[in-house]
Amino acid sequence: MSNPNVTEWKHIVRPGADDCHYRNYLVSGARLLQYVTDCIACLSSVREGTGGLVANINGNFRAEVHAMDELIVDLKLERQGNTSRVYAFTITKTIEYANDGTATAKVLDEPKLCVDGTCVLVVKPH
């Protein structure tokens, strides 16, 4: 059963070593955008009763993300057309892994903005 009244969704993600593509366990921008599309798929399933097709995604990368950092993906519906949805998203870091061989992590006093942007999703007309 779909619920078109739901306009926001949140994912908590902690990338592992398999999610890293670069030295020092740096997570690629493509992987970060994948977290956004996963979040959109969940929200679309709730809102539309099915998924949709990501037609466009634009991200602004603001800070590095490494393995074991804790991320929060926030998604909000900005505009709704007959067959399209425009979402705004942010990815913030709440826990930062030391990545210095000590296996320690630091809870950040304030969440750090890592990525923000917009995404256009195309859905079947109702």
PDB file of N, CA and C in Angstrom:
ATOM      1  N   MET A   1       0.850  -1.184   0.000  1.00  0.00           N
ATOM      2  CA  MET A   1       0.000   0.000   0.000  1.00  0.00           C
ATOM      3  C   MET A   1       0.886   1.235   0.000  1.00  0.00           C
ATOM      4  N   SER A   2       0.662   2.130  -0.915  1.00  0.00           N
ATOM      5  CA  SER A   2       1.476   3.346  -0.994  1.00  0.00           C
ATOM      6  C   SER A   2       0.946   4.413  -0.041  1.00  0.00           C
ATOM      7  N   ASN A   3       1.852   5.322   0.331  1.00  0.00           N
ATOM      8  CA  ASN A   3       1.506   6.420   1.220  1.00  0.00           C
ATOM      9  C   ASN A   3       2.161   7.697   0.681  1.00  0.00           C
ATOM     10  N   PRO A   4       1.449   8.444  -0.178  1.00  0.00           N
ATOM     11  CA  PRO A   4       2.041   9.641  -0.779  1.00  0.00           C
ATOM     12  C   PRO A   4       2.273  10.786   0.200  1.00  0.00           C
ATOM     13  N   ASN A   5       1.829  10.641   1.455  1.00  0.00           N
ATOM     14  CA  ASN A   5       2.043  11.683   2.451  1.00  0.00           C
ATOM     15  C   ASN A   5       3.453  11.662   3.035  1.00  0.00           C
ATOM     16  N   VAL A   6       4.186  10.577   2.839  1.00  0.00           N
ATOM     17  CA  VAL A   6       5.559  10.479   3.338  1.00  0.00           C
ATOM     18  C   VAL A   6       6.456  11.251   2.369  1.00  0.00           C
ATOM     19  N   THR A   7       7.127  12.280   2.872  1.00  0.00           N
ATOM     20  CA  THR A   7       7.937  13.144   2.003  1.00  0.00           C
ATOM     21  C   THR A   7       9.412  13.182   2.390  1.00  0.00           C
ATOM     22  N   GLU A   8       9.787  12.466   3.451  1.00  0.00           N
ATOM     23  CA  GLU A   8      11.184  12.457   3.899  1.00  0.00           C
ATOM     24  C   GLU A   8      11.599  11.033   4.239  1.00  0.00           C
ATOM     25  N   TRP A   9      12.890  10.759   4.082  1.00  0.00           N
ATOM     26  CA  TRP A   9      13.425   9.442   4.428  1.00  0.00           C
ATOM     27  C   TRP A   9      14.842   9.624   4.927  1.00  0.00           C
ATOM     28  N   LYS A  10      15.273   8.705   5.788  1.00  0.00           N
ATOM     29  CA  LYS A  10      16.611   8.791   6.366  1.00  0.00           C
ATOM     30  C   LYS A  10      17.227   7.400   6.393  1.00  0.00           C
ATOM     31  N   HIS A  11      18.493   7.324   6.006  1.00  0.00           N
ATOM     32  CA  HIS A  11      19.288   6.089   6.099  1.00  0.00           C
ATOM     33  C   HIS A  11      20.507   6.371   6.962  1.00  0.00           C
ATOM     34  N   ILE A  12      20.909   5.407   7.750  1.00  0.00           N
ATOM     35  CA  ILE A  12      22.185   5.480   8.452  1.00  0.00           C
ATOM     36  C   ILE A  12      23.087   4.420   7.847  1.00  0.00           C
ATOM     37  N   VAL A  13      24.267   4.827   7.425  1.00  0.00           N
ATOM     38  CA  VAL A  13      25.177   3.947   6.698  1.00  0.00           C
ATOM     39  C   VAL A  13      26.556   4.027   7.328  1.00  0.00           C
ATOM     40  N   ARG A  14      27.218   2.895   7.410  1.00  0.00           N
ATOM     41  CA  ARG A  14      28.614   2.871   7.846  1.00  0.00           C
ATOM     42  C   ARG A  14      29.403   2.092   6.795  1.00  0.00           C
ATOM     43  N   PRO A  15      30.100   2.810   5.887  1.00  0.00           N
ATOM     44  CA  PRO A  15      30.844   2.120   4.832  1.00  0.00           C
ATOM     45  C   PRO A  15      31.934   1.225   5.421  1.00  0.00           C
ATOM     46  N   GLY A  16      32.103   0.075   4.809  1.00  0.00           N
ATOM     47  CA  GLY A  16      33.177  -0.831   5.202  1.00  0.00           C
ATOM     48  C   GLY A  16      34.319  -0.768   4.203  1.00  0.00           C
ATOM     49  N   ALA A  17      35.316  -1.590   4.408  1.00  0.00           N
ATOM     50  CA  ALA A  17      36.483  -1.609   3.519  1.00  0.00           C
ATOM     51  C   ALA A  17      36.083  -1.962   2.087  1.00  0.00           C
ATOM     52  N   ASP A  18      35.054  -2.787   1.914  1.00  0.00           N
ATOM     53  CA  ASP A  18      34.601  -3.156   0.568  1.00  0.00           C
ATOM     54  C   ASP A  18      34.025  -1.964  -0.191  1.00  0.00           C
ATOM     55  N   ASP A  19      33.610  -0.940   0.528  1.00  0.00           N
ATOM     56  CA  ASP A  19      33.019   0.245  -0.098  1.00  0.00           C
ATOM     57  C   ASP A  19      34.080   1.255  -0.532  1.00  0.00           C
ATOM     58  N   CYS A  20      35.327   0.991  -0.211  1.00  0.00           N
ATOM     59  CA  CYS A  20      36.401   1.948  -0.482  1.00  0.00           C
ATOM     60  C   CYS A  20      37.033   1.665  -1.832  1.00  0.00           C
ATOM     61  N   HIS A  21      37.478   2.732  -2.450  1.00  0.00           N
ATOM     62  CA  HIS A  21      38.050   2.612  -3.779  1.00  0.00           C
ATOM     63  C   HIS A  21      39.461   3.202  -3.849  1.00  0.00           C
ATOM     64  N   TYR A  22      39.808   4.017  -2.892  1.00  0.00           N
ATOM     65  CA  TYR A  22      41.072   4.747  -2.941  1.00  0.00           C
ATOM     66  C   TYR A  22      41.923   4.459  -1.705  1.00  0.00           C
ATOM     67  N   ARG A  23      43.131   4.967  -1.712  1.00  0.00           N
ATOM     68  CA  ARG A  23      44.051   4.782  -0.591  1.00  0.00           C
ATOM     69  C   ARG A  23      43.472   5.351   0.694  1.00  0.00           C
ATOM     70  N   ASN A  24      43.973   4.856   1.799  1.00  0.00           N
ATOM     71  CA  ASN A  24      43.533   5.295   3.128  1.00  0.00           C
ATOM     72  C   ASN A  24      42.043   5.074   3.362  1.00  0.00           C
ATOM     73  N   TYR A  25      41.502   4.072   2.698  1.00  0.00           N
ATOM     74  CA  TYR A  25      40.098   3.690   2.865  1.00  0.00           C
ATOM     75  C   TYR A  25      39.133   4.829   2.549  1.00  0.00           C
ATOM     76  N   LEU A  26      39.450   5.592   1.528  1.00  0.00           N
ATOM     77  CA  LEU A  26      38.591   6.686   1.074  1.00  0.00           C
ATOM     78  C   LEU A  26      37.443   6.124   0.237  1.00  0.00           C
ATOM     79  N   VAL A  27      36.225   6.536   0.562  1.00  0.00           N
ATOM     80  CA  VAL A  27      35.037   6.081  -0.154  1.00  0.00           C
ATOM     81  C   VAL A  27      34.843   6.948  -1.396  1.00  0.00           C
ATOM     82  N   SER A  28      34.527   6.324  -2.519  1.00  0.00           N
ATOM     83  CA  SER A  28      34.362   7.066  -3.770  1.00  0.00           C
ATOM     84  C   SER A  28      33.045   7.843  -3.773  1.00  0.00           C
ATOM     85  N   GLY A  29      33.014   8.895  -4.566  1.00  0.00           N
ATOM     86  CA  GLY A  29      31.797   9.681  -4.734  1.00  0.00           C
ATOM     87  C   GLY A  29      30.669   8.858  -5.325  1.00  0.00           C
ATOM     88  N   ALA A  30      31.003   7.943  -6.223  1.00  0.00           N
ATOM     89  CA  ALA A  30      29.980   7.087  -6.822  1.00  0.00           C
ATOM     90  C   ALA A  30      29.291   6.235  -5.758  1.00  0.00           C
ATOM     91  N   ARG A  31      30.056   5.731  -4.802  1.00  0.00           N
ATOM     92  CA  ARG A  31      29.473   4.926  -3.722  1.00  0.00           C
ATOM     93  C   ARG A  31      28.562   5.797  -2.854  1.00  0.00           C
ATOM     94  N   LEU A  32      28.973   7.027  -2.593  1.00  0.00           N
ATOM     95  CA  LEU A  32      28.133   7.928  -1.797  1.00  0.00           C
ATOM     96  C   LEU A  32      26.810   8.206  -2.501  1.00  0.00           C
ATOM     97  N   LEU A  33      26.864   8.410  -3.818  1.00  0.00           N
ATOM     98  CA  LEU A  33      25.627   8.627  -4.565  1.00  0.00           C
ATOM     99  C   LEU A  33      24.770   7.357  -4.594  1.00  0.00           C
ATOM    100  N   GLN A  34      25.409   6.198  -4.537  1.00  0.00           N
ATOM    101  CA  GLN A  34      24.645   4.953  -4.458  1.00  0.00           C
ATOM    102  C   GLN A  34      23.832   4.905  -3.166  1.00  0.00           C
ATOM    103  N   TYR A  35      24.403   5.396  -2.071  1.00  0.00           N
ATOM    104  CA  TYR A  35      23.646   5.447  -0.815  1.00  0.00           C
ATOM    105  C   TYR A  35      22.402   6.324  -0.971  1.00  0.00           C
ATOM    106  N   VAL A  36      22.538   7.405  -1.727  1.00  0.00           N
ATOM    107  CA  VAL A  36      21.394   8.289  -1.975  1.00  0.00           C
ATOM    108  C   VAL A  36      20.331   7.558  -2.789  1.00  0.00           C
ATOM    109  N   THR A  37      20.741   6.859  -3.848  1.00  0.00           N
ATOM    110  CA  THR A  37      19.756   6.153  -4.678  1.00  0.00           C
ATOM    111  C   THR A  37      19.094   5.016  -3.900  1.00  0.00           C
ATOM    112  N   ASP A  38      19.816   4.385  -2.979  1.00  0.00           N
ATOM    113  CA  ASP A  38      19.194   3.374  -2.115  1.00  0.00           C
ATOM    114  C   ASP A  38      18.108   4.005  -1.250  1.00  0.00           C
ATOM    115  N   CYS A  39      18.387   5.181  -0.725  1.00  0.00           N
ATOM    116  CA  CYS A  39      17.419   5.907   0.101  1.00  0.00           C
ATOM    117  C   CYS A  39      16.195   6.305  -0.733  1.00  0.00           C
ATOM    118  N   ILE A  40      16.443   6.759  -1.961  1.00  0.00           N
ATOM    119  CA  ILE A  40      15.344   7.133  -2.862  1.00  0.00           C
ATOM    120  C   ILE A  40      14.482   5.922  -3.186  1.00  0.00           C
ATOM    121  N   ALA A  41      15.108   4.761  -3.398  1.00  0.00           N
ATOM    122  CA  ALA A  41      14.350   3.549  -3.693  1.00  0.00           C
ATOM    123  C   ALA A  41      13.409   3.199  -2.548  1.00  0.00           C
ATOM    124  N   CYS A  42      13.872   3.359  -1.320  1.00  0.00           N
ATOM    125  CA  CYS A  42      13.015   3.090  -0.161  1.00  0.00           C
ATOM    126  C   CYS A  42      11.845   4.061  -0.095  1.00  0.00           C
ATOM    127  N   LEU A  43      12.143   5.343  -0.238  1.00  0.00           N
ATOM    128  CA  LEU A  43      11.081   6.346  -0.168  1.00  0.00           C
ATOM    129  C   LEU A  43      10.090   6.168  -1.313  1.00  0.00           C
ATOM    130  N   SER A  44      10.584   5.879  -2.500  1.00  0.00           N
ATOM    131  CA  SER A  44       9.700   5.674  -3.645  1.00  0.00           C
ATOM    132  C   SER A  44       8.806   4.457  -3.430  1.00  0.00           C
ATOM    133  N   SER A  45       9.333   3.413  -2.844  1.00  0.00           N
ATOM    134  CA  SER A  45       8.517   2.225  -2.563  1.00  0.00           C
ATOM    135  C   SER A  45       7.379   2.562  -1.610  1.00  0.00           C
ATOM    136  N   VAL A  46       7.673   3.387  -0.609  1.00  0.00           N
ATOM    137  CA  VAL A  46       6.642   3.793   0.350  1.00  0.00           C
ATOM    138  C   VAL A  46       5.630   4.731  -0.304  1.00  0.00           C
ATOM    139  N   ARG A  47       6.122   5.735  -1.028  1.00  0.00           N
ATOM    140  CA  ARG A  47       5.240   6.751  -1.620  1.00  0.00           C
ATOM    141  C   ARG A  47       4.441   6.229  -2.806  1.00  0.00           C
ATOM    142  N   GLU A  48       5.122   5.536  -3.710  1.00  0.00           N
ATOM    143  CA  GLU A  48       4.518   5.153  -4.986  1.00  0.00           C
ATOM    144  C   GLU A  48       4.053   3.699  -5.008  1.00  0.00           C
ATOM    145  N   GLY A  49       4.523   2.894  -4.059  1.00  0.00           N
ATOM    146  CA  GLY A  49       4.210   1.478  -4.080  1.00  0.00           C
ATOM    147  C   GLY A  49       5.169   0.694  -4.960  1.00  0.00           C
ATOM    148  N   THR A  50       6.108   1.369  -5.597  1.00  0.00           N
ATOM    149  CA  THR A  50       7.107   0.742  -6.464  1.00  0.00           C
ATOM    150  C   THR A  50       8.281   1.693  -6.607  1.00  0.00           C
ATOM    151  N   GLY A  51       9.335   1.230  -7.183  1.00  0.00           N
ATOM    152  CA  GLY A  51      10.508   2.077  -7.404  1.00  0.00           C
ATOM    153  C   GLY A  51      10.306   2.991  -8.597  1.00  0.00           C
ATOM    154  N   GLY A  52      11.348   3.672  -8.968  1.00  0.00           N
ATOM    155  CA  GLY A  52      11.317   4.555 -10.121  1.00  0.00           C
ATOM    156  C   GLY A  52      12.650   4.503 -10.825  1.00  0.00           C
ATOM    157  N   LEU A  53      12.845   5.394 -11.747  1.00  0.00           N
ATOM    158  CA  LEU A  53      14.083   5.476 -12.515  1.00  0.00           C
ATOM    159  C   LEU A  53      14.773   6.793 -12.196  1.00  0.00           C
ATOM    160  N   VAL A  54      16.014   6.710 -11.726  1.00  0.00           N
ATOM    161  CA  VAL A  54      16.776   7.929 -11.455  1.00  0.00           C
ATOM    162  C   VAL A  54      17.163   8.529 -12.807  1.00  0.00           C
ATOM    163  N   ALA A  55      16.634   9.710 -13.098  1.00  0.00           N
ATOM    164  CA  ALA A  55      16.892  10.361 -14.379  1.00  0.00           C
ATOM    165  C   ALA A  55      18.097  11.296 -14.301  1.00  0.00           C
ATOM    166  N   ASN A  56      18.330  11.861 -13.118  1.00  0.00           N
ATOM    167  CA  ASN A  56      19.430  12.813 -12.959  1.00  0.00           C
ATOM    168  C   ASN A  56      19.785  12.901 -11.486  1.00  0.00           C
ATOM    169  N   ILE A  57      21.083  12.976 -11.214  1.00  0.00           N
ATOM    170  CA  ILE A  57      21.521  13.176  -9.842  1.00  0.00           C
ATOM    171  C   ILE A  57      22.728  14.112  -9.862  1.00  0.00           C
ATOM    172  N   ASN A  58      22.684  15.122  -9.022  1.00  0.00           N
ATOM    173  CA  ASN A  58      23.766  16.102  -8.915  1.00  0.00           C
ATOM    174  C   ASN A  58      24.206  16.183  -7.462  1.00  0.00           C
ATOM    175  N   GLY A  59      25.486  15.936  -7.237  1.00  0.00           N
ATOM    176  CA  GLY A  59      26.007  15.982  -5.887  1.00  0.00           C
ATOM    177  C   GLY A  59      27.172  16.942  -5.770  1.00  0.00           C
ATOM    178  N   ASN A  60      27.227  17.645  -4.675  1.00  0.00           N
ATOM    179  CA  ASN A  60      28.346  18.537  -4.337  1.00  0.00           C
ATOM    180  C   ASN A  60      29.100  17.894  -3.188  1.00  0.00           C
ATOM    181  N   PHE A  61      30.346  17.522  -3.437  1.00  0.00           N
ATOM    182  CA  PHE A  61      31.142  16.812  -2.439  1.00  0.00           C
ATOM    183  C   PHE A  61      31.886  17.824  -1.586  1.00  0.00           C
ATOM    184  N   ARG A  62      31.637  17.779  -0.278  1.00  0.00           N
ATOM    185  CA  ARG A  62      32.127  18.809   0.640  1.00  0.00           C
ATOM    186  C   ARG A  62      33.227  18.316   1.583  1.00  0.00           C
ATOM    187  N   ALA A  63      33.243  17.013   1.900  1.00  0.00           N
ATOM    188  CA  ALA A  63      34.228  16.479   2.846  1.00  0.00           C
ATOM    189  C   ALA A  63      34.491  15.010   2.510  1.00  0.00           C
ATOM    190  N   GLU A  64      35.689  14.557   2.858  1.00  0.00           N
ATOM    191  CA  GLU A  64      36.063  13.167   2.623  1.00  0.00           C
ATOM    192  C   GLU A  64      35.275  12.227   3.530  1.00  0.00           C
ATOM    193  N   VAL A  65      35.051  11.012   3.007  1.00  0.00           N
ATOM    194  CA  VAL A  65      34.422   9.949   3.776  1.00  0.00           C
ATOM    195  C   VAL A  65      35.334   8.730   3.691  1.00  0.00           C
ATOM    196  N   HIS A  66      35.579   8.113   4.853  1.00  0.00           N
ATOM    197  CA  HIS A  66      36.436   6.935   4.922  1.00  0.00           C
ATOM    198  C   HIS A  66      35.649   5.755   5.479  1.00  0.00           C
ATOM    199  N   ALA A  67      36.217   4.575   5.332  1.00  0.00           N
ATOM    200  CA  ALA A  67      35.601   3.376   5.899  1.00  0.00           C
ATOM    201  C   ALA A  67      35.364   3.576   7.390  1.00  0.00           C
ATOM    202  N   MET A  68      34.247   3.077   7.862  1.00  0.00           N
ATOM    203  CA  MET A  68      33.829   3.091   9.259  1.00  0.00           C
ATOM    204  C   MET A  68      33.348   4.449   9.762  1.00  0.00           C
ATOM    205  N   ASP A  69      33.326   5.481   8.906  1.00  0.00           N
ATOM    206  CA  ASP A  69      32.641   6.717   9.283  1.00  0.00           C
ATOM    207  C   ASP A  69      31.149   6.399   9.312  1.00  0.00           C
ATOM    208  N   GLU A  70      30.409   7.024  10.208  1.00  0.00           N
ATOM    209  CA  GLU A  70      28.964   6.829  10.221  1.00  0.00           C
ATOM    210  C   GLU A  70      28.310   7.994   9.496  1.00  0.00           C
ATOM    211  N   LEU A  71      27.463   7.658   8.529  1.00  0.00           N
ATOM    212  CA  LEU A  71      26.822   8.657   7.677  1.00  0.00           C
ATOM    213  C   LEU A  71      25.316   8.615   7.848  1.00  0.00           C
ATOM    214  N   ILE A  72      24.709   9.784   7.740  1.00  0.00           N
ATOM    215  CA  ILE A  72      23.250   9.874   7.706  1.00  0.00           C
ATOM    216  C   ILE A  72      22.864  10.481   6.365  1.00  0.00           C
ATOM    217  N   VAL A  73      22.075   9.730   5.611  1.00  0.00           N
ATOM    218  CA  VAL A  73      21.549  10.202   4.331  1.00  0.00           C
ATOM    219  C   VAL A  73      20.145  10.724   4.601  1.00  0.00           C
ATOM    220  N   ASP A  74      19.924  12.013   4.384  1.00  0.00           N
ATOM    221  CA  ASP A  74      18.607  12.638   4.547  1.00  0.00           C
ATOM    222  C   ASP A  74      18.066  12.995   3.171  1.00  0.00           C
ATOM    223  N   LEU A  75      16.830  12.623   2.946  1.00  0.00           N
ATOM    224  CA  LEU A  75      16.186  12.842   1.649  1.00  0.00           C
ATOM    225  C   LEU A  75      14.852  13.536   1.877  1.00  0.00           C
ATOM    226  N   LYS A  76      14.577  14.575   1.081  1.00  0.00           N
ATOM    227  CA  LYS A  76      13.322  15.316   1.200  1.00  0.00           C
ATOM    228  C   LYS A  76      12.747  15.591  -0.178  1.00  0.00           C
ATOM    229  N   LEU A  77      11.448  15.378  -0.319  1.00  0.00           N
ATOM    230  CA  LEU A  77      10.753  15.687  -1.561  1.00  0.00           C
ATOM    231  C   LEU A  77      10.668  17.203  -1.708  1.00  0.00           C
ATOM    232  N   GLU A  78      11.157  17.725  -2.823  1.00  0.00           N
ATOM    233  CA  GLU A  78      11.123  19.173  -3.085  1.00  0.00           C
ATOM    234  C   GLU A  78       9.957  19.545  -4.009  1.00  0.00           C
ATOM    235  N   ARG A  79       9.806  18.783  -5.099  1.00  0.00           N
ATOM    236  CA  ARG A  79       8.737  19.057  -6.075  1.00  0.00           C
ATOM    237  C   ARG A  79       8.197  17.739  -6.607  1.00  0.00           C
ATOM    238  N   GLN A  80       6.898  17.774  -6.941  1.00  0.00           N
ATOM    239  CA  GLN A  80       6.254  16.581  -7.466  1.00  0.00           C
ATOM    240  C   GLN A  80       5.490  16.933  -8.727  1.00  0.00           C
ATOM    241  N   GLY A  81       5.788  16.223  -9.808  1.00  0.00           N
ATOM    242  CA  GLY A  81       5.033  16.359 -11.053  1.00  0.00           C
ATOM    243  C   GLY A  81       4.180  15.123 -11.258  1.00  0.00           C
ATOM    244  N   ASN A  82       3.591  14.999 -12.453  1.00  0.00           N
ATOM    245  CA  ASN A  82       2.762  13.821 -12.739  1.00  0.00           C
ATOM    246  C   ASN A  82       3.577  12.536 -12.723  1.00  0.00           C
ATOM    247  N   THR A  83       4.769  12.581 -13.318  1.00  0.00           N
ATOM    248  CA  THR A  83       5.610  11.385 -13.384  1.00  0.00           C
ATOM    249  C   THR A  83       7.028  11.624 -12.878  1.00  0.00           C
ATOM    250  N   SER A  84       7.270  12.775 -12.301  1.00  0.00           N
ATOM    251  CA  SER A  84       8.619  13.051 -11.804  1.00  0.00           C
ATOM    252  C   SER A  84       8.578  13.538 -10.357  1.00  0.00           C
ATOM    253  N   ARG A  85       9.674  13.270  -9.664  1.00  0.00           N
ATOM    254  CA  ARG A  85       9.854  13.730  -8.292  1.00  0.00           C
ATOM    255  C   ARG A  85      11.251  14.323  -8.193  1.00  0.00           C
ATOM    256  N   VAL A  86      11.357  15.494  -7.598  1.00  0.00           N
ATOM    257  CA  VAL A  86      12.663  16.109  -7.367  1.00  0.00           C
ATOM    258  C   VAL A  86      12.935  16.048  -5.870  1.00  0.00           C
ATOM    259  N   TYR A  87      14.052  15.431  -5.527  1.00  0.00           N
ATOM    260  CA  TYR A  87      14.442  15.269  -4.130  1.00  0.00           C
ATOM    261  C   TYR A  87      15.703  16.060  -3.849  1.00  0.00           C
ATOM    262  N   ALA A  88      15.787  16.644  -2.673  1.00  0.00           N
ATOM    263  CA  ALA A  88      17.022  17.241  -2.170  1.00  0.00           C
ATOM    264  C   ALA A  88      17.594  16.252  -1.161  1.00  0.00           C
ATOM    265  N   PHE A  89      18.925  16.147  -1.133  1.00  0.00           N
ATOM    266  CA  PHE A  89      19.535  15.219  -0.196  1.00  0.00           C
ATOM    267  C   PHE A  89      20.781  15.814   0.438  1.00  0.00           C
ATOM    268  N   THR A  90      21.100  15.296   1.609  1.00  0.00           N
ATOM    269  CA  THR A  90      22.374  15.589   2.265  1.00  0.00           C
ATOM    270  C   THR A  90      22.921  14.280   2.807  1.00  0.00           C
ATOM    271  N   ILE A  91      24.235  14.211   2.868  1.00  0.00           N
ATOM    272  CA  ILE A  91      24.913  13.134   3.583  1.00  0.00           C
ATOM    273  C   ILE A  91      25.800  13.818   4.611  1.00  0.00           C
ATOM    274  N   THR A  92      25.550  13.527   5.870  1.00  0.00           N
ATOM    275  CA  THR A  92      26.358  14.105   6.941  1.00  0.00           C
ATOM    276  C   THR A  92      27.086  12.984   7.682  1.00  0.00           C
ATOM    277  N   LYS A  93      28.240  13.331   8.215  1.00  0.00           N
ATOM    278  CA  LYS A  93      29.049  12.395   8.989  1.00  0.00           C
ATOM    279  C   LYS A  93      28.852  12.704  10.464  1.00  0.00           C
ATOM    280  N   THR A  94      28.510  11.673  11.252  1.00  0.00           N
ATOM    281  CA  THR A  94      28.297  11.867  12.684  1.00  0.00           C
ATOM    282  C   THR A  94      29.396  11.219  13.528  1.00  0.00           C
ATOM    283  N   ILE A  95      30.019  10.187  12.986  1.00  0.00           N
ATOM    284  CA  ILE A  95      31.140   9.521  13.642  1.00  0.00           C
ATOM    285  C   ILE A  95      32.273   9.408  12.635  1.00  0.00           C
ATOM    286  N   GLU A  96      33.463   9.784  13.072  1.00  0.00           N
ATOM    287  CA  GLU A  96      34.630   9.752  12.191  1.00  0.00           C
ATOM    288  C   GLU A  96      35.618   8.721  12.724  1.00  0.00           C
ATOM    289  N   TYR A  97      35.957   7.766  11.875  1.00  0.00           N
ATOM    290  CA  TYR A  97      36.915   6.730  12.241  1.00  0.00           C
ATOM    291  C   TYR A  97      38.325   7.306  12.162  1.00  0.00           C
ATOM    292  N   ALA A  98      39.170   6.976  13.112  1.00  0.00           N
ATOM    293  CA  ALA A  98      40.514   7.569  13.192  1.00  0.00           C
ATOM    294  C   ALA A  98      41.383   7.195  11.998  1.00  0.00           C
ATOM    295  N   ASN A  99      41.273   5.959  11.484  1.00  0.00           N
ATOM    296  CA  ASN A  99      42.036   5.519  10.318  1.00  0.00           C
ATOM    297  C   ASN A  99      43.541   5.708  10.513  1.00  0.00           C
ATOM    298  N   ASP A 100      43.993   5.553  11.747  1.00  0.00           N
ATOM    299  CA  ASP A 100      45.422   5.722  12.043  1.00  0.00           C
ATOM    300  C   ASP A 100      46.032   4.463  12.643  1.00  0.00           C
ATOM    301  N   GLY A 101      45.319   3.343  12.519  1.00  0.00           N
ATOM    302  CA  GLY A 101      45.815   2.090  13.054  1.00  0.00           C
ATOM    303  C   GLY A 101      45.411   1.828  14.495  1.00  0.00           C
ATOM    304  N   THR A 102      44.742   2.779  15.144  1.00  0.00           N
ATOM    305  CA  THR A 102      44.348   2.610  16.547  1.00  0.00           C
ATOM    306  C   THR A 102      42.952   2.023  16.711  1.00  0.00           C
ATOM    307  N   ALA A 103      42.213   1.898  15.631  1.00  0.00           N
ATOM    308  CA  ALA A 103      40.837   1.376  15.659  1.00  0.00           C
ATOM    309  C   ALA A 103      39.952   2.189  16.597  1.00  0.00           C
ATOM    310  N   THR A 104      40.121   3.501  16.579  1.00  0.00           N
ATOM    311  CA  THR A 104      39.285   4.365  17.407  1.00  0.00           C
ATOM    312  C   THR A 104      38.378   5.213  16.519  1.00  0.00           C
ATOM    313  N   ALA A 105      37.317   5.673  17.104  1.00  0.00           N
ATOM    314  CA  ALA A 105      36.382   6.532  16.393  1.00  0.00           C
ATOM    315  C   ALA A 105      36.018   7.707  17.284  1.00  0.00           C
ATOM    316  N   LYS A 106      35.642   8.810  16.651  1.00  0.00           N
ATOM    317  CA  LYS A 106      35.283  10.016  17.384  1.00  0.00           C
ATOM    318  C   LYS A 106      33.861  10.420  17.003  1.00  0.00           C
ATOM    319  N   VAL A 107      33.014  10.584  18.003  1.00  0.00           N
ATOM    320  CA  VAL A 107      31.683  11.120  17.767  1.00  0.00           C
ATOM    321  C   VAL A 107      31.842  12.623  17.594  1.00  0.00           C
ATOM    322  N   LEU A 108      31.407  13.141  16.467  1.00  0.00           N
ATOM    323  CA  LEU A 108      31.573  14.561  16.174  1.00  0.00           C
ATOM    324  C   LEU A 108      30.594  15.399  16.995  1.00  0.00           C
ATOM    325  N   ASP A 109      31.039  16.547  17.461  1.00  0.00           N
ATOM    326  CA  ASP A 109      30.168  17.445  18.213  1.00  0.00           C
ATOM    327  C   ASP A 109      29.001  17.916  17.362  1.00  0.00           C
ATOM    328  N   GLU A 110      29.285  18.240  16.112  1.00  0.00           N
ATOM    329  CA  GLU A 110      28.270  18.651  15.139  1.00  0.00           C
ATOM    330  C   GLU A 110      28.423  17.772  13.907  1.00  0.00           C
ATOM    331  N   PRO A 111      27.313  17.323  13.323  1.00  0.00           N
ATOM    332  CA  PRO A 111      27.432  16.551  12.082  1.00  0.00           C
ATOM    333  C   PRO A 111      28.161  17.367  11.011  1.00  0.00           C
ATOM    334  N   LYS A 112      29.004  16.698  10.246  1.00  0.00           N
ATOM    335  CA  LYS A 112      29.777  17.352   9.192  1.00  0.00           C
ATOM    336  C   LYS A 112      29.140  17.049   7.835  1.00  0.00           C
ATOM    337  N   LEU A 113      28.801  18.105   7.081  1.00  0.00           N
ATOM    338  CA  LEU A 113      28.218  17.929   5.759  1.00  0.00           C
ATOM    339  C   LEU A 113      29.274  17.368   4.811  1.00  0.00           C
ATOM    340  N   CYS A 114      28.971  16.228   4.205  1.00  0.00           N
ATOM    341  CA  CYS A 114      29.902  15.599   3.262  1.00  0.00           C
ATOM    342  C   CYS A 114      29.438  15.757   1.812  1.00  0.00           C
ATOM    343  N   VAL A 115      28.132  15.627   1.584  1.00  0.00           N
ATOM    344  CA  VAL A 115      27.574  15.722   0.232  1.00  0.00           C
ATOM    345  C   VAL A 115      26.193  16.356   0.334  1.00  0.00           C
ATOM    346  N   ASP A 116      25.857  17.201  -0.624  1.00  0.00           N
ATOM    347  CA  ASP A 116      24.484  17.667  -0.768  1.00  0.00           C
ATOM    348  C   ASP A 116      24.164  17.734  -2.247  1.00  0.00           C
ATOM    349  N   GLY A 117      22.873  17.772  -2.581  1.00  0.00           N
ATOM    350  CA  GLY A 117      22.511  17.830  -3.988  1.00  0.00           C
ATOM    351  C   GLY A 117      21.036  17.558  -4.215  1.00  0.00           C
ATOM    352  N   THR A 118      20.733  17.269  -5.472  1.00  0.00           N
ATOM    353  CA  THR A 118      19.358  16.984  -5.878  1.00  0.00           C
ATOM    354  C   THR A 118      19.326  15.754  -6.777  1.00  0.00           C
ATOM    355  N   CYS A 119      18.160  15.144  -6.845  1.00  0.00           N
ATOM    356  CA  CYS A 119      17.963  13.972  -7.683  1.00  0.00           C
ATOM    357  C   CYS A 119      16.568  14.029  -8.291  1.00  0.00           C
ATOM    358  N   VAL A 120      16.469  13.676  -9.577  1.00  0.00           N
ATOM    359  CA  VAL A 120      15.170  13.592 -10.249  1.00  0.00           C
ATOM    360  C   VAL A 120      14.846  12.122 -10.463  1.00  0.00           C
ATOM    361  N   LEU A 121      13.666  11.734 -10.015  1.00  0.00           N
ATOM    362  CA  LEU A 121      13.184  10.358 -10.156  1.00  0.00           C
ATOM    363  C   LEU A 121      11.963  10.376 -11.047  1.00  0.00           C
ATOM    364  N   VAL A 122      11.901   9.446 -11.983  1.00  0.00           N
ATOM    365  CA  VAL A 122      10.741   9.299 -12.858  1.00  0.00           C
ATOM    366  C   VAL A 122       9.964   8.067 -12.410  1.00  0.00           C
ATOM    367  N   VAL A 123       8.647   8.221 -12.242  1.00  0.00           N
ATOM    368  CA  VAL A 123       7.788   7.133 -11.792  1.00  0.00           C
ATOM    369  C   VAL A 123       6.651   6.945 -12.787  1.00  0.00           C
ATOM    370  N   LYS A 124       5.959   5.808 -12.687  1.00  0.00           N
ATOM    371  CA  LYS A 124       4.801   5.559 -13.546  1.00  0.00           C
ATOM    372  C   LYS A 124       3.662   6.478 -13.150  1.00  0.00           C
ATOM    373  N   PRO A 125       2.908   6.982 -14.127  1.00  0.00           N
ATOM    374  CA  PRO A 125       1.766   7.830 -13.774  1.00  0.00           C
ATOM    375  C   PRO A 125       0.701   7.010 -13.059  1.00  0.00           C
ATOM    376  N   HIS A 126      -0.014   7.669 -12.165  1.00  0.00           N
ATOM    377  CA  HIS A 126      -1.067   6.970 -11.407  1.00  0.00           C
ATOM    378  C   HIS A 126      -2.405   7.175 -12.072  1.00  0.00           C
TER     379      HIS A 126
END
